[in-house]
Amino acid sequence: MSENNNFTSKISNSYLKKINNIILFFLAISISITLWFFYFIKPPTNLTFENQEIKINIERGQSTRKTASILKENNLIRSENFFNIIIAIRNKKIISGDYIFNRPENLLSIVQRLDTGEYRMPVVRITFFEGITVNQIAQEIKNKIPDFDYQNFLNLAKDKEGYLFPDTYDFKINTTAENILDVFNKNFERKIGENQNIINNSKYSLEEIIIMASIIEKEATAETFQEVSDILWHRIEIGMPLQVDAPFVYYIGKSTFDLTMSDLEDNHPYNTYRNTGLIPTPIGNPGIKSILAAANPRKTKNLFFLTGRDGKMYFATDLDGHRRNRFLYLD
């Protein structure tokens, strides 16, 4: 019995030793894989930014291998192969665009960013004031975003005068002309939608309202928008020329005080002294107050108005009163 017990004991010890060796082997393998995994996950040790940033471009339809190569060339990852493995295992996609890197990031963070399109592009805030023209909008953006495609914007927005709603916008520095116009258009549609009842109840079309609002924006003060609106619509109704200077400023680039008699006699569609009715297009992008004033004028007996050199508005019911205001506040 004793010999059998010893034999059995030796077999058990040998079996346990083999089991322990197997466990230790797989444990060593697991530790090695874990260390290997975390080694390739970490950013390269020699990656430094020194107050600068790395910008990489992922083109539409670009392969995973090409993306891995770009990341490796910019020293953002340790291994191209490991990047490809992680993308495949986690079934991630790669969204095209420009990505900014300004600090070391581990591989999983980079993969997640590429999968969600987290570009981290700096944002520029620009305020566009009421009455601003398409050309001025393009110049404002160009001043704040030097790489902005100014000419492409002008080409795309040539028929958008009056419909780019003035407001404060946040744009990424890699934004395109198409994206900016889309933001402007959606804001315009939203503002009009919020006031659709007033627009619908007006006897004028949206196009007529926007053209008139663009004139009112530059001819009146916010407090007098509705009164000036009524005066101008009334002039149209009685066949009287609008006789306002702002369209000249838009068409020939002169200020009100620089206009000459020759300018006023020149025959062009924006000459509101020779022609009756509305001008062909808006002369700027009006804000919501002038748009609502154009849609809903406030009745007045006045037929004339002017802005004095003191910046104040002066009204008159007849030509004699208007001449008197000109003598008192302009001449």
Protein backbone atom coordinates (compact mmCIF):
# COMPACT_ATOMS: atom_id res chain seq x y z
CA MET A 1 0.00 0.00 0.00
CA SER A 2 2.79 2.35 0.89
CA GLU A 3 4.56 1.87 -2.46
CA ASN A 4 1.33 2.45 -4.36
CA ASN A 5 0.69 5.64 -2.41
CA ASN A 6 4.18 6.93 -3.16
CA PHE A 7 3.76 6.15 -6.84
CA THR A 8 0.41 7.89 -6.95
CA SER A 9 1.90 10.86 -5.13
CA LYS A 10 4.76 11.08 -7.62
CA ILE A 11 2.31 11.04 -10.53
CA SER A 12 0.18 13.76 -8.91
CA ASN A 13 3.18 15.95 -8.25
CA SER A 14 4.41 15.50 -11.79
CA TYR A 15 0.94 16.31 -13.19
CA LEU A 16 0.62 19.40 -11.01
CA LYS A 17 4.07 20.52 -12.04
CA LYS A 18 3.10 20.23 -15.70
CA ILE A 19 -0.11 22.12 -15.05
CA ASN A 20 1.81 24.83 -13.22
CA ASN A 21 4.29 25.06 -16.07
CA ILE A 22 1.47 25.37 -18.59
CA ILE A 23 -0.19 28.06 -16.48
CA LEU A 24 3.09 29.93 -16.10
CA PHE A 25 3.67 29.66 -19.85
CA PHE A 26 0.29 31.09 -20.74
CA LEU A 27 0.65 33.70 -18.02
CA ALA A 28 3.96 34.76 -19.50
CA ILE A 29 2.38 34.83 -22.93
CA SER A 30 -0.52 36.92 -21.62
CA ILE A 31 1.81 39.34 -19.88
CA SER A 32 3.94 39.61 -23.01
CA ILE A 33 0.90 40.25 -25.18
CA THR A 34 -0.40 42.81 -22.69
CA LEU A 35 2.95 44.59 -22.56
CA TRP A 36 3.21 44.40 -26.33
CA PHE A 37 -0.34 45.76 -26.66
CA PHE A 38 0.25 48.69 -24.32
CA TYR A 39 3.61 49.41 -25.91
CA PHE A 40 2.05 49.89 -29.34
CA ILE A 41 -0.97 51.68 -27.91
CA LYS A 42 1.15 54.42 -26.34
CA PRO A 43 2.28 57.46 -28.36
CA PRO A 44 5.88 57.35 -29.66
CA THR A 45 8.32 58.43 -26.96
CA ASN A 46 10.03 60.93 -29.28
CA LEU A 47 6.77 62.67 -30.22
CA THR A 48 7.00 66.36 -29.36
CA PHE A 49 4.90 69.32 -30.46
CA GLU A 50 6.83 72.26 -29.00
CA ASN A 51 3.81 74.61 -29.07
CA GLN A 52 3.06 73.59 -32.65
CA GLU A 53 0.46 71.31 -34.17
CA ILE A 54 0.44 68.55 -36.74
CA LYS A 55 -2.20 68.70 -39.47
CA ILE A 56 -2.91 65.61 -41.54
CA ASN A 57 -5.36 65.21 -44.39
CA ILE A 58 -7.36 62.03 -44.92
CA GLU A 59 -8.72 61.96 -48.46
CA ARG A 60 -12.14 60.55 -49.31
CA GLY A 61 -11.88 56.81 -50.00
CA GLN A 62 -8.31 56.62 -48.68
CA SER A 63 -7.24 53.12 -47.63
CA THR A 64 -6.49 52.10 -44.04
CA ARG A 65 -2.91 51.27 -45.00
CA LYS A 66 -2.37 54.71 -46.56
CA THR A 67 -3.82 56.36 -43.45
CA ALA A 68 -1.51 54.27 -41.24
CA SER A 69 1.44 55.33 -43.37
CA ILE A 70 0.57 59.03 -43.00
CA LEU A 71 0.20 58.69 -39.22
CA LYS A 72 3.55 56.88 -38.97
CA GLU A 73 5.30 59.45 -41.19
CA ASN A 74 4.11 62.16 -38.82
CA ASN A 75 5.30 60.11 -35.82
CA LEU A 76 1.79 59.92 -34.36
CA ILE A 77 1.72 56.10 -33.99
CA ARG A 78 4.35 53.43 -33.26
CA SER A 79 3.26 50.76 -35.73
CA GLU A 80 1.36 50.84 -39.02
CA ASN A 81 0.53 47.12 -38.73
CA PHE A 82 -0.87 47.46 -35.24
CA PHE A 83 -3.02 50.41 -36.40
CA ASN A 84 -4.42 48.24 -39.22
CA ILE A 85 -5.10 45.40 -36.76
CA ILE A 86 -7.00 47.67 -34.34
CA ILE A 87 -9.09 49.16 -37.16
CA ALA A 88 -9.98 45.64 -38.37
CA ILE A 89 -10.67 44.13 -34.93
CA ARG A 90 -12.83 47.05 -33.78
CA ASN A 91 -14.53 47.37 -37.19
CA LYS A 92 -13.88 51.11 -37.32
CA LYS A 93 -14.28 53.37 -40.34
CA ILE A 94 -12.11 56.34 -41.31
CA ILE A 95 -13.81 59.67 -42.01
CA SER A 96 -12.03 61.94 -44.47
CA GLY A 97 -10.98 65.49 -43.66
CA ASP A 98 -8.28 67.55 -41.98
CA TYR A 99 -7.28 66.49 -38.47
CA ILE A 100 -5.32 68.56 -35.97
CA PHE A 101 -2.95 66.96 -33.43
CA ASN A 102 -1.45 69.23 -30.80
CA ARG A 103 -0.62 66.74 -28.04
CA PRO A 104 0.43 63.07 -27.81
CA GLU A 105 -2.53 60.67 -28.07
CA ASN A 106 -2.70 56.92 -27.69
CA LEU A 107 -3.63 54.76 -30.64
CA LEU A 108 -7.17 53.99 -29.41
CA SER A 109 -7.87 57.71 -29.10
CA ILE A 110 -6.64 58.32 -32.65
CA VAL A 111 -8.74 55.45 -34.03
CA GLN A 112 -11.80 56.80 -32.22
CA ARG A 113 -11.22 60.29 -33.62
CA LEU A 114 -10.89 58.99 -37.17
CA ASP A 115 -14.04 56.92 -36.73
CA THR A 116 -16.13 59.89 -35.51
CA GLY A 117 -14.58 62.71 -37.55
CA GLU A 118 -13.29 64.56 -34.50
CA TYR A 119 -11.07 67.01 -36.38
CA ARG A 120 -10.35 69.41 -33.48
CA MET A 121 -10.01 72.29 -35.87
CA PRO A 122 -9.84 75.71 -34.18
CA VAL A 123 -13.08 77.68 -34.39
CA VAL A 124 -13.32 81.31 -35.48
CA ARG A 125 -16.26 83.48 -34.35
CA ILE A 126 -17.37 86.15 -36.83
CA THR A 127 -20.17 88.68 -36.43
CA PHE A 128 -21.86 89.98 -39.57
CA PHE A 129 -23.91 93.13 -39.07
CA GLU A 130 -27.25 93.90 -40.69
CA GLY A 131 -27.01 95.27 -44.20
CA ILE A 132 -23.65 93.65 -44.99
CA THR A 133 -23.21 92.65 -48.64
CA VAL A 134 -22.05 89.31 -50.04
CA ASN A 135 -18.71 90.88 -51.02
CA GLN A 136 -18.22 92.22 -47.51
CA ILE A 137 -19.12 88.84 -45.98
CA ALA A 138 -16.51 87.14 -48.15
CA GLN A 139 -13.89 89.71 -47.13
CA GLU A 140 -14.74 89.35 -43.42
CA ILE A 141 -14.28 85.59 -43.60
CA LYS A 142 -11.04 85.96 -45.56
CA ASN A 143 -9.71 88.36 -42.92
CA LYS A 144 -10.36 85.81 -40.15
CA ILE A 145 -9.58 82.62 -42.10
CA PRO A 146 -6.63 83.32 -44.46
CA ASP A 147 -6.94 79.96 -46.31
CA PHE A 148 -10.62 80.53 -47.09
CA ASP A 149 -11.51 80.25 -50.79
CA TYR A 150 -12.75 83.82 -51.25
CA GLN A 151 -13.39 83.60 -54.99
CA ASN A 152 -15.27 80.31 -54.79
CA PHE A 153 -17.54 81.81 -52.14
CA LEU A 154 -18.30 84.80 -54.36
CA ASN A 155 -19.06 82.52 -57.31
CA LEU A 156 -21.45 80.38 -55.26
CA ALA A 157 -23.11 83.34 -53.50
CA LYS A 158 -23.58 85.63 -56.50
CA ASP A 159 -27.37 85.10 -56.42
CA LYS A 160 -27.63 85.00 -52.62
CA GLU A 161 -27.59 88.74 -51.92
CA GLY A 162 -30.29 89.44 -49.34
CA TYR A 163 -30.62 85.82 -48.22
CA LEU A 164 -27.46 85.39 -46.11
CA PHE A 165 -28.80 86.14 -42.67
CA PRO A 166 -26.53 88.50 -40.68
CA ASP A 167 -25.67 87.00 -37.30
CA THR A 168 -22.76 85.71 -35.21
CA TYR A 169 -21.37 82.42 -36.53
CA ASP A 170 -18.67 79.97 -35.43
CA PHE A 171 -16.69 78.49 -38.32
CA LYS A 172 -13.89 75.92 -38.25
CA ILE A 173 -10.72 77.17 -39.91
CA ASN A 174 -10.95 74.42 -42.52
CA THR A 175 -14.53 75.26 -43.45
CA THR A 176 -15.47 75.46 -47.11
CA ALA A 177 -17.49 78.02 -49.04
CA GLU A 178 -20.23 75.41 -49.46
CA ASN A 179 -20.40 74.76 -45.70
CA ILE A 180 -20.59 78.46 -44.86
CA LEU A 181 -23.38 79.08 -47.36
CA ASP A 182 -25.27 76.12 -45.96
CA VAL A 183 -25.02 77.59 -42.43
CA PHE A 184 -26.22 81.00 -43.66
CA ASN A 185 -29.10 79.47 -45.63
CA LYS A 186 -30.33 77.35 -42.74
CA ASN A 187 -30.25 80.33 -40.39
CA PHE A 188 -32.21 82.43 -42.90
CA GLU A 189 -34.82 79.69 -43.29
CA ARG A 190 -35.09 79.34 -39.52
CA LYS A 191 -35.56 83.10 -38.96
CA ILE A 192 -38.17 83.35 -41.70
CA GLY A 193 -39.90 80.24 -40.39
CA GLU A 194 -40.17 81.77 -36.91
CA ASN A 195 -42.00 84.74 -38.45
CA GLN A 196 -43.86 82.94 -41.22
CA ASN A 197 -47.26 84.25 -40.11
CA ILE A 198 -46.19 87.87 -40.59
CA ILE A 199 -44.66 87.05 -43.99
CA ASN A 200 -47.78 85.14 -45.09
CA ASN A 201 -50.10 87.93 -43.98
CA SER A 202 -48.16 90.55 -45.94
CA LYS A 203 -49.45 91.61 -49.34
CA TYR A 204 -45.92 91.40 -50.70
CA SER A 205 -43.92 88.38 -51.82
CA LEU A 206 -40.85 87.24 -49.89
CA GLU A 207 -38.63 88.46 -52.74
CA GLU A 208 -40.23 91.92 -52.63
CA ILE A 209 -39.94 92.00 -48.85
CA ILE A 210 -36.24 91.14 -48.89
CA ILE A 211 -35.46 93.78 -51.55
CA MET A 212 -37.40 96.44 -49.63
CA ALA A 213 -35.84 95.37 -46.31
CA SER A 214 -32.35 95.73 -47.78
CA ILE A 215 -33.18 99.35 -48.69
CA ILE A 216 -34.82 100.13 -45.36
CA GLU A 217 -31.82 98.68 -43.52
CA LYS A 218 -29.58 101.36 -45.05
CA GLU A 219 -32.01 104.24 -45.29
CA ALA A 220 -33.59 104.25 -41.82
CA THR A 221 -32.95 103.66 -38.15
CA ALA A 222 -34.44 100.68 -36.32
CA GLU A 223 -37.01 102.98 -34.69
CA THR A 224 -38.22 104.26 -38.06
CA PHE A 225 -38.07 101.05 -40.13
CA GLN A 226 -41.85 100.60 -40.28
CA GLU A 227 -42.55 104.25 -41.09
CA VAL A 228 -39.97 104.36 -43.89
CA SER A 229 -41.35 101.06 -45.14
CA ASP A 230 -44.82 102.58 -45.50
CA ILE A 231 -43.42 105.65 -47.27
CA LEU A 232 -41.50 103.58 -49.82
CA TRP A 233 -44.34 101.15 -50.51
CA HIS A 234 -46.69 104.12 -50.92
CA ARG A 235 -44.34 105.74 -53.44
CA ILE A 236 -44.41 102.55 -55.49
CA GLU A 237 -48.22 102.41 -55.33
CA ILE A 238 -48.63 105.96 -56.65
CA GLY A 239 -46.00 105.51 -59.38
CA MET A 240 -43.46 107.76 -57.69
CA PRO A 241 -39.75 106.83 -57.92
CA LEU A 242 -38.30 105.55 -54.64
CA GLN A 243 -35.70 108.36 -54.70
CA VAL A 244 -33.31 106.72 -52.23
CA ASP A 245 -29.52 106.79 -52.39
CA ALA A 246 -28.54 103.41 -50.90
CA PRO A 247 -28.91 101.51 -54.22
CA PHE A 248 -26.41 103.93 -55.81
CA VAL A 249 -23.92 103.15 -53.05
CA TYR A 250 -24.36 99.45 -53.81
CA TYR A 251 -24.19 99.82 -57.59
CA ILE A 252 -21.46 102.42 -58.11
CA GLY A 253 -19.72 102.35 -54.72
CA LYS A 254 -20.22 106.00 -53.75
CA SER A 255 -21.52 107.24 -50.41
CA THR A 256 -24.69 109.31 -50.22
CA PHE A 257 -22.78 112.55 -49.77
CA ASP A 258 -20.51 111.82 -52.76
CA LEU A 259 -23.31 111.38 -55.32
CA THR A 260 -23.39 113.94 -58.14
CA MET A 261 -26.17 115.07 -60.44
CA SER A 262 -24.49 113.05 -63.17
CA ASP A 263 -24.77 109.92 -61.00
CA LEU A 264 -28.46 110.57 -60.42
CA GLU A 265 -29.09 110.97 -64.16
CA ASP A 266 -27.17 107.85 -65.18
CA ASN A 267 -29.53 105.25 -66.62
CA HIS A 268 -29.11 101.93 -64.80
CA PRO A 269 -31.56 99.57 -63.02
CA TYR A 270 -30.51 100.79 -59.55
CA ASN A 271 -31.26 104.43 -60.34
CA THR A 272 -34.20 105.08 -58.04
CA TYR A 273 -34.63 108.65 -59.34
CA ARG A 274 -35.24 107.68 -62.97
CA ASN A 275 -37.04 104.38 -62.47
CA THR A 276 -40.23 103.49 -60.62
CA GLY A 277 -40.90 100.32 -58.64
CA LEU A 278 -38.43 98.15 -56.78
CA ILE A 279 -34.81 97.72 -57.78
CA PRO A 280 -33.91 94.34 -59.37
CA THR A 281 -32.13 92.76 -56.38
CA PRO A 282 -31.44 93.32 -52.70
CA ILE A 283 -28.52 95.66 -51.97
CA GLY A 284 -27.39 93.84 -48.84
CA ASN A 285 -28.46 91.25 -46.33
CA PRO A 286 -31.12 92.67 -44.01
CA GLY A 287 -31.78 91.68 -40.41
CA ILE A 288 -35.07 90.38 -39.10
CA LYS A 289 -36.29 93.81 -37.87
CA SER A 290 -36.10 95.39 -41.32
CA ILE A 291 -37.57 92.25 -42.92
CA LEU A 292 -40.59 92.41 -40.61
CA ALA A 293 -40.89 96.16 -41.18
CA ALA A 294 -40.97 95.61 -44.95
CA ALA A 295 -43.65 92.94 -44.50
CA ASN A 296 -45.67 94.97 -42.01
CA PRO A 297 -45.31 98.76 -42.56
CA ARG A 298 -46.75 101.28 -40.11
CA LYS A 299 -49.18 103.74 -41.69
CA THR A 300 -48.02 107.35 -41.87
CA LYS A 301 -49.11 110.54 -43.63
CA ASN A 302 -45.51 111.36 -44.48
CA LEU A 303 -44.21 110.92 -47.99
CA PHE A 304 -40.66 112.24 -47.57
CA PHE A 305 -37.75 111.53 -45.24
CA LEU A 306 -34.05 112.17 -44.98
CA THR A 307 -31.16 111.46 -42.68
CA GLY A 308 -29.50 114.66 -41.51
CA ARG A 309 -25.80 115.16 -41.05
CA ASP A 310 -26.48 114.65 -37.35
CA GLY A 311 -27.64 111.10 -38.06
CA LYS A 312 -31.26 111.75 -37.15
CA MET A 313 -34.31 111.05 -39.33
CA TYR A 314 -36.55 113.92 -40.47
CA PHE A 315 -39.97 113.44 -42.08
CA ALA A 316 -42.31 115.62 -44.12
CA THR A 317 -45.79 115.24 -45.62
CA ASP A 318 -45.07 117.28 -48.75
CA LEU A 319 -42.22 118.50 -50.93
CA ASP A 320 -42.11 121.95 -49.31
CA GLY A 321 -41.57 120.37 -45.91
CA HIS A 322 -38.91 118.09 -47.35
CA ARG A 323 -37.06 121.04 -48.91
CA ARG A 324 -37.17 122.80 -45.58
CA ASN A 325 -35.64 119.73 -43.88
CA ARG A 326 -32.93 119.60 -46.52
CA PHE A 327 -32.06 123.26 -45.88
CA LEU A 328 -32.04 122.77 -42.09
CA TYR A 329 -30.31 119.38 -41.78
CA LEU A 330 -28.31 118.75 -44.95
CA ASP A 331 -27.21 121.98 -46.64
